[in-house]
Protein backbone atom coordinates (compact mmCIF):
# COMPACT_ATOMS: atom_id res chain seq x y z
CA MET A 1 -78.14 52.16 -22.11
CA GLU A 2 -74.44 52.19 -22.77
CA LYS A 3 -72.52 49.47 -21.02
CA VAL A 4 -69.93 50.45 -18.41
CA LEU A 5 -66.41 50.06 -19.79
CA ALA A 6 -64.66 50.42 -16.44
CA GLN A 7 -65.57 51.80 -13.08
CA THR A 8 -64.08 52.78 -9.75
CA PHE A 9 -65.78 51.84 -6.48
CA THR A 10 -65.30 52.46 -2.80
CA TYR A 11 -64.91 49.29 -0.76
CA GLU A 12 -68.36 49.84 0.74
CA ALA A 13 -70.01 50.37 -2.63
CA LEU A 14 -68.35 47.32 -4.15
CA THR A 15 -69.33 45.21 -1.15
CA SER A 16 -72.94 46.35 -1.48
CA LEU A 17 -72.98 45.65 -5.22
CA ILE A 18 -71.61 42.13 -4.77
CA GLU A 19 -73.94 41.42 -1.85
CA ASN A 20 -76.92 42.41 -3.99
CA VAL A 21 -75.86 39.89 -6.65
CA PHE A 22 -75.98 37.11 -4.06
CA ARG A 23 -79.19 38.35 -2.49
CA GLU A 24 -80.83 38.29 -5.92
CA ALA A 25 -79.68 34.66 -6.17
CA ASN A 26 -81.57 33.91 -2.91
CA PHE A 27 -78.57 33.90 -0.58
CA ASN A 28 -79.59 34.98 2.93
CA SER A 29 -78.04 38.02 4.60
CA TYR A 30 -75.49 35.94 6.55
CA GLN A 31 -74.12 34.20 3.47
CA ALA A 32 -74.39 37.09 1.00
CA GLY A 33 -72.84 39.63 3.36
CA ALA A 34 -69.92 37.50 4.48
CA ILE A 35 -69.06 36.39 0.94
CA ALA A 36 -69.34 39.93 -0.43
CA ARG A 37 -67.02 41.32 2.25
CA VAL A 38 -64.18 38.92 1.49
CA ILE A 39 -64.51 39.24 -2.30
CA ALA A 40 -64.53 43.05 -2.10
CA ALA A 41 -61.58 42.94 0.31
CA ALA A 42 -59.62 40.84 -2.17
CA GLU A 43 -60.24 43.41 -4.92
CA ARG A 44 -59.37 46.23 -2.53
CA ASP A 45 -56.05 44.53 -1.77
CA GLY A 46 -55.21 43.65 -5.37
CA CYS A 47 -55.76 39.90 -4.86
CA LYS A 48 -57.43 39.24 -8.20
CA SER A 49 -57.37 35.45 -7.88
CA HIS A 50 -59.84 35.73 -4.96
CA GLY A 51 -61.82 38.75 -6.15
CA VAL A 52 -64.85 39.11 -8.40
CA TYR A 53 -63.57 36.19 -10.47
CA ARG A 54 -64.91 33.99 -7.62
CA ILE A 55 -68.53 35.18 -7.82
CA ALA A 56 -69.51 32.83 -10.63
CA GLY A 57 -68.09 29.81 -8.81
CA CYS A 58 -70.02 30.61 -5.63
CA LEU A 59 -73.27 31.01 -7.56
CA ARG A 60 -72.59 27.85 -9.57
CA THR A 61 -71.86 25.84 -6.42
CA ALA A 62 -75.13 26.93 -4.79
CA ALA A 63 -77.13 26.36 -7.99
CA ALA A 64 -75.74 22.82 -8.17
CA GLY A 65 -77.00 22.10 -4.66
CA LYS A 66 -73.48 21.76 -3.25
CA ALA A 67 -73.80 24.79 -0.95
CA ASP A 68 -76.81 26.02 1.00
CA PRO A 69 -77.22 29.77 0.34
CA THR A 70 -79.79 29.99 3.17
CA ALA A 71 -77.65 28.27 5.83
CA VAL A 72 -77.45 29.80 9.31
CA PRO A 73 -74.25 28.62 11.04
CA GLN A 74 -74.60 27.08 14.48
CA VAL A 75 -72.14 27.11 17.36
CA VAL A 76 -72.49 23.55 18.67
CA GLU A 77 -69.81 23.60 21.39
CA CYS A 78 -68.30 26.49 23.32
CA SER A 79 -67.62 25.27 26.85
CA GLY A 80 -63.84 25.59 26.90
CA PRO A 81 -61.04 26.72 24.60
CA ILE A 82 -62.45 24.69 21.70
CA ILE A 83 -65.38 26.12 19.75
CA LYS A 84 -67.09 23.88 17.23
CA VAL A 85 -69.24 25.43 14.52
CA ASP A 86 -71.51 23.64 12.07
CA ALA A 87 -71.62 25.71 8.87
CA LYS A 88 -74.72 23.76 7.75
CA CYS A 89 -73.23 23.40 4.26
CA GLY A 90 -73.03 27.18 3.95
CA PHE A 91 -69.89 29.12 3.11
CA ALA A 92 -67.01 29.22 5.58
CA ASN A 93 -66.99 33.02 5.71
CA ALA A 94 -70.36 33.26 7.42
CA ALA A 95 -69.41 30.52 9.87
CA PHE A 96 -66.21 32.34 10.81
CA GLU A 97 -68.08 35.59 11.44
CA PHE A 98 -70.42 33.67 13.77
CA ALA A 99 -67.46 32.11 15.60
CA LEU A 100 -65.18 35.14 15.93
CA PRO A 101 -66.70 36.68 19.10
CA HIS A 102 -66.51 33.31 20.86
CA LEU A 103 -62.93 32.78 19.68
CA VAL A 104 -61.83 36.18 20.99
CA GLU A 105 -63.55 35.71 24.35
CA ARG A 106 -62.15 32.20 24.83
CA ALA A 107 -58.60 33.16 23.78
CA ARG A 108 -58.57 35.98 26.33
CA LYS A 109 -59.92 33.68 29.04
CA HIS A 110 -57.66 30.69 28.38
CA GLY A 111 -54.71 32.29 26.59
CA LEU A 112 -55.47 30.31 23.46
CA ALA A 113 -58.55 28.98 21.72
CA ALA A 114 -59.51 27.13 18.57
CA VAL A 115 -62.46 27.13 16.21
CA ALA A 116 -63.21 23.97 14.27
CA ILE A 117 -65.64 24.73 11.45
CA ASN A 118 -67.32 21.65 10.00
CA ASN A 119 -69.43 21.16 6.91
CA CYS A 120 -68.41 24.42 5.25
CA VAL A 121 -67.96 25.34 1.59
CA HIS A 122 -64.70 27.18 1.03
CA PHE A 123 -63.42 29.36 -1.80
CA ALA A 124 -61.72 32.38 -0.23
CA ALA A 125 -58.30 33.37 1.01
CA LEU A 126 -57.54 32.90 4.72
CA TRP A 127 -55.95 36.28 5.46
CA PRO A 128 -59.36 37.88 6.19
CA GLU A 129 -59.73 35.46 9.12
CA VAL A 130 -56.32 36.04 10.66
CA GLU A 131 -56.51 39.81 10.11
CA ALA A 132 -59.86 39.88 11.90
CA ILE A 133 -58.22 38.08 14.83
CA THR A 134 -55.29 40.54 14.97
CA GLU A 135 -57.76 43.44 15.18
CA HIS A 136 -58.50 42.15 18.69
CA GLY A 137 -54.82 42.12 19.67
CA LEU A 138 -54.57 38.36 19.26
CA VAL A 139 -52.30 36.16 17.15
CA GLY A 140 -54.17 34.11 14.56
CA MET A 141 -53.57 30.99 12.53
CA ALA A 142 -55.91 29.40 9.99
CA MET A 143 -55.72 26.38 7.72
CA CYS A 144 -57.99 24.16 5.65
CA PRO A 145 -57.83 21.38 3.08
CA SER A 146 -59.41 21.75 -0.35
CA TYR A 147 -60.09 19.12 -2.99
CA ALA A 148 -57.36 16.86 -4.35
CA THR A 149 -55.51 18.76 -7.07
CA VAL A 150 -51.91 18.47 -5.82
CA ALA A 151 -49.57 15.51 -6.09
CA PRO A 152 -47.33 14.75 -3.09
CA THR A 153 -43.64 15.20 -3.82
CA GLY A 154 -42.47 12.15 -5.73
CA GLY A 155 -46.00 11.33 -6.82
CA THR A 156 -47.82 12.01 -10.07
CA LYS A 157 -51.53 12.03 -9.19
CA PRO A 158 -53.69 14.50 -7.20
CA LEU A 159 -54.03 13.52 -3.54
CA LEU A 160 -53.57 16.71 -1.49
CA GLY A 161 -55.39 20.00 -1.75
CA THR A 162 -53.82 23.41 -2.28
CA ASN A 163 -54.23 23.48 1.51
CA PRO A 164 -53.68 27.14 2.45
CA PHE A 165 -52.12 28.27 5.71
CA ALA A 166 -52.30 31.79 7.16
CA PHE A 167 -50.75 33.54 10.15
CA GLY A 168 -51.36 36.98 11.63
CA TRP A 169 -49.50 38.93 14.35
CA PRO A 170 -50.98 42.20 15.70
CA ARG A 171 -48.83 45.34 15.64
CA PRO A 172 -49.74 48.41 17.72
CA ASP A 173 -48.80 51.10 15.21
CA ALA A 174 -48.68 49.31 11.87
CA ALA A 175 -50.56 46.86 9.71
CA PRO A 176 -50.36 43.35 11.17
CA TYR A 177 -47.69 40.89 10.14
CA VAL A 178 -49.68 38.53 7.91
CA PHE A 179 -48.87 35.77 5.51
CA ASP A 180 -51.25 33.51 3.64
CA PHE A 181 -50.10 30.98 1.10
CA ALA A 182 -51.20 27.80 -0.57
CA THR A 183 -48.96 24.85 0.11
CA SER A 184 -49.02 24.23 -3.63
CA VAL A 185 -46.57 26.20 -5.76
CA ALA A 186 -49.44 28.51 -6.70
CA ALA A 187 -53.13 28.85 -5.98
CA ARG A 188 -55.35 27.04 -8.47
CA GLY A 189 -57.04 30.35 -9.22
CA GLU A 190 -53.74 31.74 -10.52
CA ILE A 191 -53.53 28.95 -13.08
CA GLU A 192 -57.13 29.59 -14.11
CA ILE A 193 -56.42 33.31 -14.57
CA LEU A 194 -53.42 32.51 -16.80
CA ARG A 195 -55.55 30.03 -18.76
CA ARG A 196 -58.19 32.68 -19.39
CA ALA A 197 -55.48 35.11 -20.51
CA GLY A 198 -54.00 32.53 -22.93
CA LYS A 199 -50.67 32.56 -21.11
CA PRO A 200 -48.45 29.62 -20.06
CA ILE A 201 -47.79 28.81 -16.43
CA PRO A 202 -44.20 28.86 -15.12
CA GLU A 203 -42.16 25.67 -15.17
CA GLY A 204 -42.34 23.64 -11.99
CA TRP A 205 -45.95 24.45 -11.19
CA ALA A 206 -47.70 21.34 -12.43
CA LEU A 207 -47.79 17.95 -14.13
CA ASP A 208 -50.09 16.84 -16.92
CA ALA A 209 -52.44 13.84 -16.66
CA GLU A 210 -49.58 11.49 -17.57
CA GLY A 211 -47.37 12.87 -14.81
CA ALA A 212 -45.05 14.86 -17.11
CA PRO A 213 -44.07 18.50 -16.31
CA THR A 214 -46.18 21.04 -18.19
CA THR A 215 -46.50 24.78 -18.75
CA ASP A 216 -49.93 24.42 -20.39
CA PRO A 217 -52.60 25.65 -17.93
CA ASP A 218 -55.26 23.37 -19.43
CA ALA A 219 -52.99 20.35 -19.01
CA ALA A 220 -52.15 21.48 -15.48
CA LEU A 221 -55.81 21.82 -14.51
CA SER A 222 -56.52 18.29 -15.78
CA GLY A 223 -53.33 16.92 -14.23
CA ALA A 224 -51.78 17.73 -10.85
CA MET A 225 -50.29 20.80 -9.25
CA LEU A 226 -47.06 20.53 -7.27
CA PRO A 227 -46.26 21.45 -3.64
CA PHE A 228 -44.03 24.43 -2.94
CA GLY A 229 -40.58 23.58 -1.61
CA ASN A 230 -40.79 19.94 -2.74
CA HIS A 231 -40.86 17.61 0.29
CA LYS A 232 -41.22 20.52 2.76
CA GLY A 233 -44.40 21.84 1.20
CA SER A 234 -45.69 18.31 0.78
CA ALA A 235 -45.19 17.63 4.50
CA ILE A 236 -46.88 20.88 5.56
CA SER A 237 -49.79 20.13 3.25
CA THR A 238 -50.13 16.68 4.81
CA MET A 239 -50.08 18.26 8.28
CA ILE A 240 -53.02 20.45 7.26
CA GLU A 241 -54.92 17.38 6.05
CA LEU A 242 -54.36 15.85 9.49
CA LEU A 243 -55.18 18.90 11.62
CA ALA A 244 -57.97 20.56 9.61
CA ALA A 245 -59.62 17.40 8.29
CA ALA A 246 -58.89 14.15 10.12
CA MET A 247 -58.53 15.71 13.60
CA ILE A 248 -61.71 17.80 13.44
CA GLY A 249 -63.77 15.00 11.91
CA ASP A 250 -64.17 16.43 8.44
CA LEU A 251 -63.24 15.52 4.87
CA THR A 252 -59.70 15.23 3.56
CA SER A 253 -59.01 16.77 0.16
CA SER A 254 -59.30 13.38 -1.52
CA GLU A 255 -62.62 12.69 0.22
CA ALA A 256 -63.87 16.20 -0.62
CA LEU A 257 -63.20 15.63 -4.32
CA ASP A 258 -64.91 12.23 -4.20
CA GLU A 259 -67.95 13.84 -2.54
CA LEU A 260 -68.06 16.79 -4.95
CA GLY A 261 -67.18 14.91 -8.13
CA THR A 262 -65.74 17.96 -9.91
CA THR A 263 -63.22 20.78 -9.55
CA THR A 264 -65.58 23.30 -11.16
CA LEU A 265 -67.46 23.90 -7.89
CA ALA A 266 -66.27 25.03 -4.46
CA PRO A 267 -65.49 22.09 -2.15
CA ARG A 268 -67.07 21.23 1.18
CA HIS A 269 -64.74 20.35 4.07
CA GLY A 270 -63.61 21.86 7.39
CA GLU A 271 -61.42 24.68 8.63
CA LEU A 272 -59.27 25.05 11.75
CA ILE A 273 -58.63 28.51 13.22
CA LEU A 274 -56.42 29.22 16.25
CA ALA A 275 -56.06 32.36 18.36
CA PHE A 276 -53.37 33.14 20.96
CA ASP A 277 -53.18 35.96 23.48
CA PRO A 278 -49.52 37.09 23.30
CA ASP A 279 -49.78 39.02 26.57
CA ARG A 280 -50.81 35.88 28.42
CA PHE A 281 -47.91 33.91 27.00
CA SER A 282 -45.32 36.61 27.74
CA ALA A 283 -46.71 37.64 31.13
CA GLN A 284 -43.63 36.48 33.06
CA SER A 285 -41.19 38.07 30.64
CA SER A 286 -39.50 41.38 31.40
CA VAL A 287 -40.01 42.43 27.76
CA ALA A 288 -43.47 42.37 26.21
CA ALA A 289 -44.08 40.14 23.20
CA ALA A 290 -45.00 43.15 21.07
CA VAL A 291 -41.65 44.84 21.80
CA ARG A 292 -39.68 41.74 20.87
CA ALA A 293 -41.74 41.33 17.72
CA GLU A 294 -41.10 44.91 16.59
CA GLY A 295 -37.38 44.37 17.09
CA LEU A 296 -37.54 41.35 14.82
CA PHE A 297 -39.54 43.17 12.16
CA ASP A 298 -37.15 46.15 12.29
CA GLY A 299 -34.23 43.79 11.79
CA ILE A 300 -35.87 42.28 8.70
CA VAL A 301 -36.61 45.68 7.17
CA ARG A 302 -33.13 47.06 7.95
CA GLN A 303 -31.67 44.33 5.77
CA GLY A 304 -33.73 45.58 2.85
CA ALA A 305 -36.20 42.70 3.02
CA ARG A 306 -39.96 43.12 2.81
CA LEU A 307 -42.43 41.87 5.34
CA PRO A 308 -45.12 39.64 3.80
CA SER A 309 -48.37 41.23 2.65
CA GLN A 310 -46.76 44.67 2.24
CA ARG A 311 -47.77 44.86 -1.42
CA ARG A 312 -51.31 43.95 -0.41
CA PHE A 313 -51.38 46.64 2.27
CA GLU A 314 -49.98 49.18 -0.19
CA ALA A 315 -52.72 48.24 -2.66
CA ARG A 316 -55.29 48.65 0.11
CA LYS A 317 -53.96 52.12 0.92
CA ARG A 318 -54.26 53.13 -2.74
CA SER A 319 -57.75 51.67 -3.01
CA LEU A 320 -58.97 53.43 0.09
CA SER A 321 -57.56 56.69 -1.26
CA SER A 322 -58.52 56.53 -4.94
CA GLY A 323 -61.02 53.67 -5.13
CA ILE A 324 -61.06 50.10 -6.45
CA HIS A 325 -60.72 50.10 -10.23
CA LEU A 326 -62.45 47.30 -12.14
CA THR A 327 -62.16 46.63 -15.85
CA ALA A 328 -65.15 46.01 -18.09
CA ASP A 329 -64.49 42.27 -17.94
CA GLU A 330 -64.37 42.36 -14.14
CA ILE A 331 -67.60 44.33 -13.93
CA GLU A 332 -69.24 41.74 -16.17
CA MET A 333 -68.15 39.06 -13.68
CA ILE A 334 -70.23 40.88 -11.08
CA ASP A 335 -73.25 41.61 -13.22
CA PRO A 336 -73.25 41.35 -17.04
CA ASN A 337 -76.29 43.66 -17.13
CA LEU A 338 -74.68 46.43 -15.13
CA ASP A 339 -74.88 49.70 -17.07
CA GLN A 340 -74.54 53.38 -16.51
């Protein structure tokens, strides 16, 4: 039959298609479903660096024995505001979905709560986590290390991870205020996408293996990426190593790379997720937290500035209206045998 050249999917159809790919690779329903939902959401929102491009890496990581596709996450502690989850060497997405109901319940009871996920394999963006928290009227924060691909400011060798950090604030009549960024100048996936396209990376993104600045994506991938904002990004990245690795008893980015032995597979480490109940924190105030927040957001917009994630939300609106368009190359990343 004739191969598909391009195709448009609903979010639900794309999720189902991706989930089937993982189920055929012997991923259980917990792992396959959670992974498929975040990959399809990335495509829906125009986040190509975390979309179908990531399928091959997830499959490769499981095939190499570095992730357990049959893992069932386990909540090992949930007696107070701290919830500890053992991902059992499965993917972080499934572990988060297991933890979310406990996180919401504990944040409402105590005003704040934290989930420490241990022994998880991570590849995805963090905005799905914080957005899921905001859907319950809570404020969310999430962070995790990676594997060592970033040099600290002033250094020349990989020591830190790309170490993403995400924040979400619920809004009653609008999409939540959400940001999610790597503490490196760019996500490693963005460099890989430019490499595949035969394009150079911007100046200031990376060093080569000898510690010299480079715009060659191959040299960057074999050298070291750089933190955003110089010493500021380097310090925030170090904070994430401390909070989401050392403090929760899991691997730092350097240790994760040593354990994995390669940057071609998804790393195993931990993740720290926080939730706050804004109503509990502002209970004694004469003006609700949500009202103050909307005043701040209005002030930003009135100056002509954009709130973060607005392009992503606009892409989501278009996708939900007219579908998620995938090129022939992107469809092949899902299933090279897919045909009409």
